[in-house]
Amino acid sequence: MQKLRSIAGVILLLMTSIVTLQAIEYTNTSYYVAYDSSDPTQYALVMPLVGKIYTHKAGDILNLERVDAEFSSFPTYNNGNLCFSSLEDGATGAHGSSTMAGQCYDVNFFYTQKVSITEGVAFILYYRPTDKVYEGLAGNGASFKVVKLGDTVTNANSVSGDFYNHFSFDIGTASVTIIPLTIDELLPPTVPTI
C-alpha cells in the first residue's frame, strides 16, 4: 500500500510539472451606461458583437427597447468612454435615443460572455468604480453573485466553477483575463511526504 502511494505521489508530481497554465481571455463584452442624468434608472445596453443597442429601466430586463436603428452609426468605444452618433435622418428619437445622440458616457458596467454550462450561459458583470465582479447566468438576475470585490475573492459563488484569484480587466480592449490558479495554489498547504 505504501509503495502504491509513493507511485501515485510521483505521478502527481510529474503531472503537475508538465501542466502549463494559460490565461483565458474573454472578449465578447457589452457596455451598460446610465444615459439620462435626470433619471439615473435609465440604461442603455450596447452590444458591439451583434450591433444592437437596447434601452431599459434599471432592474427591468424584460422590457428592452431596441434603438440601434435610431442612430446614424454604431457607438464608438475608447478606453472606457462610449460615444453615440447623431440620430439617423428620419429617426423618431424614441426610447431615450434622442438623449444619447451626440453624447459620450463613461462606462462603469461591463457585461462579458464567458462560457456555456449545463444551466445556461455564464456571464461576468464587472463594475469598474469599486472593482466588483459578479458571475451569473444570462437572463437570470438572481443567479449573479459577487465573486470578487477588490482583493476579496469568493470563488464558491462562481456558477462556472472558475477561480477569480487572478482576474483582470483591460479597460482599453474591454476584455477579461482569468489566469488559472498555479499548482502551488491548488495543492493543500502541506503535501504528505512520499
C-alpha atoms as a PDB file:
ATOM      1  CA  MET A   1       0.000   0.000   0.000  1.00  0.00           C
ATOM      2  CA  GLN A   2       2.841   2.390   0.884  1.00  0.00           C
ATOM      3  CA  LYS A   3       4.508   1.624  -2.460  1.00  0.00           C
ATOM      4  CA  LEU A   4       1.240   2.425  -4.296  1.00  0.00           C
ATOM      5  CA  ARG A   5       1.021   5.794  -2.511  1.00  0.00           C
ATOM      6  CA  SER A   6       4.621   6.561  -3.454  1.00  0.00           C
ATOM      7  CA  ILE A   7       3.925   5.776  -7.112  1.00  0.00           C
ATOM      8  CA  ALA A   8       0.773   7.915  -7.042  1.00  0.00           C
ATOM      9  CA  GLY A   9       2.778  10.767  -5.496  1.00  0.00           C
ATOM     10  CA  VAL A  10       5.445  10.556  -8.193  1.00  0.00           C
ATOM     11  CA  ILE A  11       2.790  10.529 -10.938  1.00  0.00           C
ATOM     12  CA  LEU A  12       1.127  13.580  -9.382  1.00  0.00           C
ATOM     13  CA  LEU A  13       4.446  15.437  -9.240  1.00  0.00           C
ATOM     14  CA  LEU A  14       5.226  14.560 -12.863  1.00  0.00           C
ATOM     15  CA  MET A  15       1.776  15.672 -13.995  1.00  0.00           C
ATOM     16  CA  THR A  16       1.988  18.966 -12.150  1.00  0.00           C
ATOM     17  CA  SER A  17       5.410  19.735 -13.564  1.00  0.00           C
ATOM     18  CA  ILE A  18       4.093  19.161 -17.129  1.00  0.00           C
ATOM     19  CA  VAL A  19       0.912  21.231 -16.815  1.00  0.00           C
ATOM     20  CA  THR A  20       1.152  24.629 -18.492  1.00  0.00           C
ATOM     21  CA  LEU A  21      -1.308  27.132 -17.131  1.00  0.00           C
ATOM     22  CA  GLN A  22      -2.638  29.528 -19.729  1.00  0.00           C
ATOM     23  CA  ALA A  23      -4.646  32.664 -19.257  1.00  0.00           C
ATOM     24  CA  ILE A  24      -8.185  32.640 -20.602  1.00  0.00           C
ATOM     25  CA  GLU A  25      -9.314  35.831 -22.291  1.00  0.00           C
ATOM     26  CA  TYR A  26     -12.958  36.765 -22.839  1.00  0.00           C
ATOM     27  CA  THR A  27     -13.638  39.499 -25.380  1.00  0.00           C
ATOM     28  CA  ASN A  28     -17.402  39.387 -26.091  1.00  0.00           C
ATOM     29  CA  THR A  29     -18.151  42.421 -23.920  1.00  0.00           C
ATOM     30  CA  SER A  30     -21.202  44.660 -23.918  1.00  0.00           C
ATOM     31  CA  TYR A  31     -21.478  48.031 -22.200  1.00  0.00           C
ATOM     32  CA  TYR A  32     -24.079  49.408 -19.800  1.00  0.00           C
ATOM     33  CA  VAL A  33     -24.380  53.170 -19.476  1.00  0.00           C
ATOM     34  CA  ALA A  34     -26.737  55.325 -17.444  1.00  0.00           C
ATOM     35  CA  TYR A  35     -27.632  57.771 -20.200  1.00  0.00           C
ATOM     36  CA  ASP A  36     -30.138  60.171 -18.640  1.00  0.00           C
ATOM     37  CA  SER A  37     -28.805  62.488 -15.924  1.00  0.00           C
ATOM     38  CA  SER A  38     -32.365  63.497 -14.988  1.00  0.00           C
ATOM     39  CA  ASP A  39     -33.333  59.819 -14.466  1.00  0.00           C
ATOM     40  CA  PRO A  40     -30.380  57.631 -13.371  1.00  0.00           C
ATOM     41  CA  THR A  41     -32.520  54.480 -13.666  1.00  0.00           C
ATOM     42  CA  GLN A  42     -32.437  54.664 -17.482  1.00  0.00           C
ATOM     43  CA  TYR A  43     -29.778  52.405 -19.007  1.00  0.00           C
ATOM     44  CA  ALA A  44     -28.527  51.586 -22.455  1.00  0.00           C
ATOM     45  CA  LEU A  45     -27.122  48.141 -23.221  1.00  0.00           C
ATOM     46  CA  VAL A  46     -24.700  48.386 -26.142  1.00  0.00           C
ATOM     47  CA  MET A  47     -23.753  45.062 -27.747  1.00  0.00           C
ATOM     48  CA  PRO A  48     -20.929  45.597 -30.283  1.00  0.00           C
ATOM     49  CA  LEU A  49     -20.559  41.976 -31.398  1.00  0.00           C
ATOM     50  CA  VAL A  50     -24.146  41.847 -32.675  1.00  0.00           C
ATOM     51  CA  GLY A  51     -24.541  45.569 -33.439  1.00  0.00           C
ATOM     52  CA  LYS A  52     -27.534  46.133 -31.165  1.00  0.00           C
ATOM     53  CA  ILE A  53     -28.477  48.820 -28.662  1.00  0.00           C
ATOM     54  CA  TYR A  54     -31.296  48.428 -26.151  1.00  0.00           C
ATOM     55  CA  THR A  55     -32.640  50.778 -23.504  1.00  0.00           C
ATOM     56  CA  HIS A  56     -34.408  49.751 -20.314  1.00  0.00           C
ATOM     57  CA  LYS A  57     -35.137  50.803 -16.768  1.00  0.00           C
ATOM     58  CA  ALA A  58     -32.624  49.514 -14.209  1.00  0.00           C
ATOM     59  CA  GLY A  59     -33.632  46.086 -12.959  1.00  0.00           C
ATOM     60  CA  ASP A  60     -36.250  45.580 -15.685  1.00  0.00           C
ATOM     61  CA  ILE A  61     -34.532  43.453 -18.323  1.00  0.00           C
ATOM     62  CA  LEU A  62     -37.817  42.031 -19.573  1.00  0.00           C
ATOM     63  CA  ASN A  63     -38.838  45.313 -21.212  1.00  0.00           C
ATOM     64  CA  LEU A  64     -35.963  46.112 -23.536  1.00  0.00           C
ATOM     65  CA  GLU A  65     -36.461  48.658 -26.315  1.00  0.00           C
ATOM     66  CA  ARG A  66     -34.215  48.241 -29.344  1.00  0.00           C
ATOM     67  CA  VAL A  67     -32.881  51.597 -30.588  1.00  0.00           C
ATOM     68  CA  ASP A  68     -29.788  50.923 -32.752  1.00  0.00           C
ATOM     69  CA  ALA A  69     -31.666  51.870 -35.951  1.00  0.00           C
ATOM     70  CA  GLU A  70     -32.205  55.376 -34.498  1.00  0.00           C
ATOM     71  CA  PHE A  71     -28.511  56.283 -34.831  1.00  0.00           C
ATOM     72  CA  SER A  72     -26.516  57.224 -37.918  1.00  0.00           C
ATOM     73  CA  SER A  73     -23.715  54.847 -36.853  1.00  0.00           C
ATOM     74  CA  PHE A  74     -22.888  52.434 -34.061  1.00  0.00           C
ATOM     75  CA  PRO A  75     -21.392  53.945 -30.868  1.00  0.00           C
ATOM     76  CA  THR A  76     -17.607  54.006 -30.586  1.00  0.00           C
ATOM     77  CA  TYR A  77     -15.754  52.708 -27.535  1.00  0.00           C
ATOM     78  CA  ASN A  78     -12.444  54.208 -26.493  1.00  0.00           C
ATOM     79  CA  ASN A  79     -10.733  53.316 -23.234  1.00  0.00           C
ATOM     80  CA  GLY A  80     -13.821  53.366 -21.001  1.00  0.00           C
ATOM     81  CA  ASN A  81     -15.682  56.035 -22.934  1.00  0.00           C
ATOM     82  CA  LEU A  82     -18.671  55.297 -25.186  1.00  0.00           C
ATOM     83  CA  CYS A  83     -19.775  57.900 -27.741  1.00  0.00           C
ATOM     84  CA  PHE A  84     -23.074  57.850 -29.622  1.00  0.00           C
ATOM     85  CA  SER A  85     -23.510  59.279 -33.102  1.00  0.00           C
ATOM     86  CA  SER A  86     -26.215  61.687 -34.128  1.00  0.00           C
ATOM     87  CA  LEU A  87     -29.686  60.422 -34.917  1.00  0.00           C
ATOM     88  CA  GLU A  88     -30.317  58.857 -38.323  1.00  0.00           C
ATOM     89  CA  ASP A  89     -32.261  61.052 -40.757  1.00  0.00           C
ATOM     90  CA  GLY A  90     -35.945  60.461 -40.079  1.00  0.00           C
ATOM     91  CA  ALA A  91     -35.348  58.848 -36.679  1.00  0.00           C
ATOM     92  CA  THR A  92     -38.027  59.336 -34.044  1.00  0.00           C
ATOM     93  CA  GLY A  93     -35.615  59.722 -31.122  1.00  0.00           C
ATOM     94  CA  ALA A  94     -37.741  57.227 -29.202  1.00  0.00           C
ATOM     95  CA  HIS A  95     -36.822  55.300 -26.054  1.00  0.00           C
ATOM     96  CA  GLY A  96     -34.001  57.588 -24.979  1.00  0.00           C
ATOM     97  CA  SER A  97     -32.140  57.649 -28.279  1.00  0.00           C
ATOM     98  CA  SER A  98     -32.606  61.435 -28.595  1.00  0.00           C
ATOM     99  CA  THR A  99     -30.993  61.853 -25.150  1.00  0.00           C
ATOM    100  CA  MET A 100     -27.975  59.739 -26.133  1.00  0.00           C
ATOM    101  CA  ALA A 101     -27.472  61.188 -29.628  1.00  0.00           C
ATOM    102  CA  GLY A 102     -24.152  63.012 -29.933  1.00  0.00           C
ATOM    103  CA  GLN A 103     -23.234  62.287 -26.302  1.00  0.00           C
ATOM    104  CA  CYS A 104     -20.316  60.432 -24.703  1.00  0.00           C
ATOM    105  CA  TYR A 105     -20.544  58.472 -21.463  1.00  0.00           C
ATOM    106  CA  ASP A 106     -18.145  56.838 -19.037  1.00  0.00           C
ATOM    107  CA  VAL A 107     -18.779  53.098 -18.996  1.00  0.00           C
ATOM    108  CA  ASN A 108     -18.874  51.689 -15.472  1.00  0.00           C
ATOM    109  CA  PHE A 109     -20.628  48.357 -16.138  1.00  0.00           C
ATOM    110  CA  PHE A 110     -19.174  45.761 -18.491  1.00  0.00           C
ATOM    111  CA  TYR A 111     -21.088  42.575 -19.296  1.00  0.00           C
ATOM    112  CA  THR A 112     -18.850  39.823 -20.708  1.00  0.00           C
ATOM    113  CA  GLN A 113     -19.970  36.475 -22.100  1.00  0.00           C
ATOM    114  CA  LYS A 114     -17.987  33.625 -20.637  1.00  0.00           C
ATOM    115  CA  VAL A 115     -18.933  30.021 -21.354  1.00  0.00           C
ATOM    116  CA  SER A 116     -21.906  27.741 -21.873  1.00  0.00           C
ATOM    117  CA  ILE A 117     -22.536  25.416 -18.966  1.00  0.00           C
ATOM    118  CA  THR A 118     -25.318  22.933 -18.278  1.00  0.00           C
ATOM    119  CA  GLU A 119     -27.524  25.585 -16.617  1.00  0.00           C
ATOM    120  CA  GLY A 120     -27.105  28.192 -19.384  1.00  0.00           C
ATOM    121  CA  VAL A 121     -24.554  30.779 -20.496  1.00  0.00           C
ATOM    122  CA  ALA A 122     -22.294  32.212 -17.802  1.00  0.00           C
ATOM    123  CA  PHE A 123     -21.567  35.938 -17.862  1.00  0.00           C
ATOM    124  CA  ILE A 124     -19.298  38.256 -15.915  1.00  0.00           C
ATOM    125  CA  LEU A 125     -20.638  41.650 -14.830  1.00  0.00           C
ATOM    126  CA  TYR A 126     -17.781  43.977 -13.899  1.00  0.00           C
ATOM    127  CA  TYR A 127     -18.443  47.237 -12.027  1.00  0.00           C
ATOM    128  CA  ARG A 128     -15.318  49.312 -12.538  1.00  0.00           C
ATOM    129  CA  PRO A 129     -15.669  52.041  -9.833  1.00  0.00           C
ATOM    130  CA  THR A 130     -15.433  49.518  -6.976  1.00  0.00           C
ATOM    131  CA  ASP A 131     -13.575  46.710  -8.806  1.00  0.00           C
ATOM    132  CA  LYS A 132     -16.570  44.452  -8.131  1.00  0.00           C
ATOM    133  CA  VAL A 133     -17.049  41.287 -10.204  1.00  0.00           C
ATOM    134  CA  TYR A 134     -20.260  39.273 -10.417  1.00  0.00           C
ATOM    135  CA  GLU A 135     -20.815  35.983 -12.224  1.00  0.00           C
ATOM    136  CA  GLY A 136     -24.174  34.513 -13.154  1.00  0.00           C
ATOM    137  CA  LEU A 137     -26.386  33.142 -15.888  1.00  0.00           C
ATOM    138  CA  ALA A 138     -27.765  35.157 -18.788  1.00  0.00           C
ATOM    139  CA  GLY A 139     -31.406  36.059 -18.210  1.00  0.00           C
ATOM    140  CA  ASN A 140     -31.318  35.081 -14.526  1.00  0.00           C
ATOM    141  CA  GLY A 141     -30.551  38.162 -12.455  1.00  0.00           C
ATOM    142  CA  ALA A 142     -30.892  36.255  -9.173  1.00  0.00           C
ATOM    143  CA  SER A 143     -28.020  33.961 -10.191  1.00  0.00           C
ATOM    144  CA  PHE A 144     -25.472  36.807 -10.217  1.00  0.00           C
ATOM    145  CA  LYS A 145     -23.266  36.669  -7.127  1.00  0.00           C
ATOM    146  CA  VAL A 146     -20.135  38.583  -6.179  1.00  0.00           C
ATOM    147  CA  VAL A 147     -17.014  36.564  -6.962  1.00  0.00           C
ATOM    148  CA  LYS A 148     -14.502  39.360  -6.375  1.00  0.00           C
ATOM    149  CA  LEU A 149     -14.581  42.683  -4.580  1.00  0.00           C
ATOM    150  CA  GLY A 150     -11.209  44.401  -4.581  1.00  0.00           C
ATOM    151  CA  ASP A 151      -8.816  41.817  -3.135  1.00  0.00           C
ATOM    152  CA  THR A 152     -11.560  39.651  -1.603  1.00  0.00           C
ATOM    153  CA  VAL A 153     -12.321  36.599  -3.746  1.00  0.00           C
ATOM    154  CA  THR A 154     -15.311  34.270  -3.246  1.00  0.00           C
ATOM    155  CA  ASN A 155     -14.797  31.502  -5.800  1.00  0.00           C
ATOM    156  CA  ALA A 156     -17.651  29.474  -4.305  1.00  0.00           C
ATOM    157  CA  ASN A 157     -20.068  31.974  -5.917  1.00  0.00           C
ATOM    158  CA  SER A 158     -18.867  31.171  -9.443  1.00  0.00           C
ATOM    159  CA  VAL A 159     -21.602  29.374 -11.437  1.00  0.00           C
ATOM    160  CA  SER A 160     -18.943  28.148 -13.884  1.00  0.00           C
ATOM    161  CA  GLY A 161     -16.628  26.874 -11.146  1.00  0.00           C
ATOM    162  CA  ASP A 162     -13.895  29.310 -12.120  1.00  0.00           C
ATOM    163  CA  PHE A 163     -11.281  30.840  -9.831  1.00  0.00           C
ATOM    164  CA  TYR A 164     -11.152  34.651  -9.707  1.00  0.00           C
ATOM    165  CA  ASN A 165      -7.905  34.992  -7.742  1.00  0.00           C
ATOM    166  CA  HIS A 166      -6.108  36.248 -10.868  1.00  0.00           C
ATOM    167  CA  PHE A 167      -8.899  38.224 -12.559  1.00  0.00           C
ATOM    168  CA  SER A 168      -8.023  41.305 -14.567  1.00  0.00           C
ATOM    169  CA  PHE A 169      -9.963  43.702 -16.748  1.00  0.00           C
ATOM    170  CA  ASP A 170      -8.362  45.646 -19.597  1.00  0.00           C
ATOM    171  CA  ILE A 171     -10.195  48.952 -19.977  1.00  0.00           C
ATOM    172  CA  GLY A 172      -8.590  49.599 -23.369  1.00  0.00           C
ATOM    173  CA  THR A 173      -9.900  46.437 -25.022  1.00  0.00           C
ATOM    174  CA  ALA A 174     -12.839  45.858 -22.629  1.00  0.00           C
ATOM    175  CA  SER A 175     -11.646  42.278 -22.202  1.00  0.00           C
ATOM    176  CA  VAL A 176     -11.452  39.996 -19.190  1.00  0.00           C
ATOM    177  CA  THR A 177      -8.475  37.769 -18.427  1.00  0.00           C
ATOM    178  CA  ILE A 178      -8.580  34.985 -15.884  1.00  0.00           C
ATOM    179  CA  ILE A 179      -5.332  33.193 -15.092  1.00  0.00           C
ATOM    180  CA  PRO A 180      -5.840  29.711 -13.620  1.00  0.00           C
ATOM    181  CA  LEU A 181      -4.512  29.011 -10.164  1.00  0.00           C
ATOM    182  CA  THR A 182      -0.979  27.697 -10.036  1.00  0.00           C
ATOM    183  CA  ILE A 183      -0.289  24.147  -8.919  1.00  0.00           C
ATOM    184  CA  ASP A 184       1.045  25.510  -5.613  1.00  0.00           C
ATOM    185  CA  GLU A 185      -2.237  27.370  -5.068  1.00  0.00           C
ATOM    186  CA  LEU A 186      -4.265  24.229  -5.817  1.00  0.00           C
ATOM    187  CA  LEU A 187      -2.306  21.907  -3.514  1.00  0.00           C
ATOM    188  CA  PRO A 188      -3.088  21.798   0.190  1.00  0.00           C
ATOM    189  CA  PRO A 189      -0.710  23.832   2.405  1.00  0.00           C
ATOM    190  CA  THR A 190       1.254  20.734   3.349  1.00  0.00           C
ATOM    191  CA  VAL A 191       1.840  17.839   0.999  1.00  0.00           C
ATOM    192  CA  PRO A 192       2.493  14.467   2.613  1.00  0.00           C
ATOM    193  CA  THR A 193       5.994  13.173   2.053  1.00  0.00           C
ATOM    194  CA  ILE A 194       6.425  10.258  -0.262  1.00  0.00           C
END
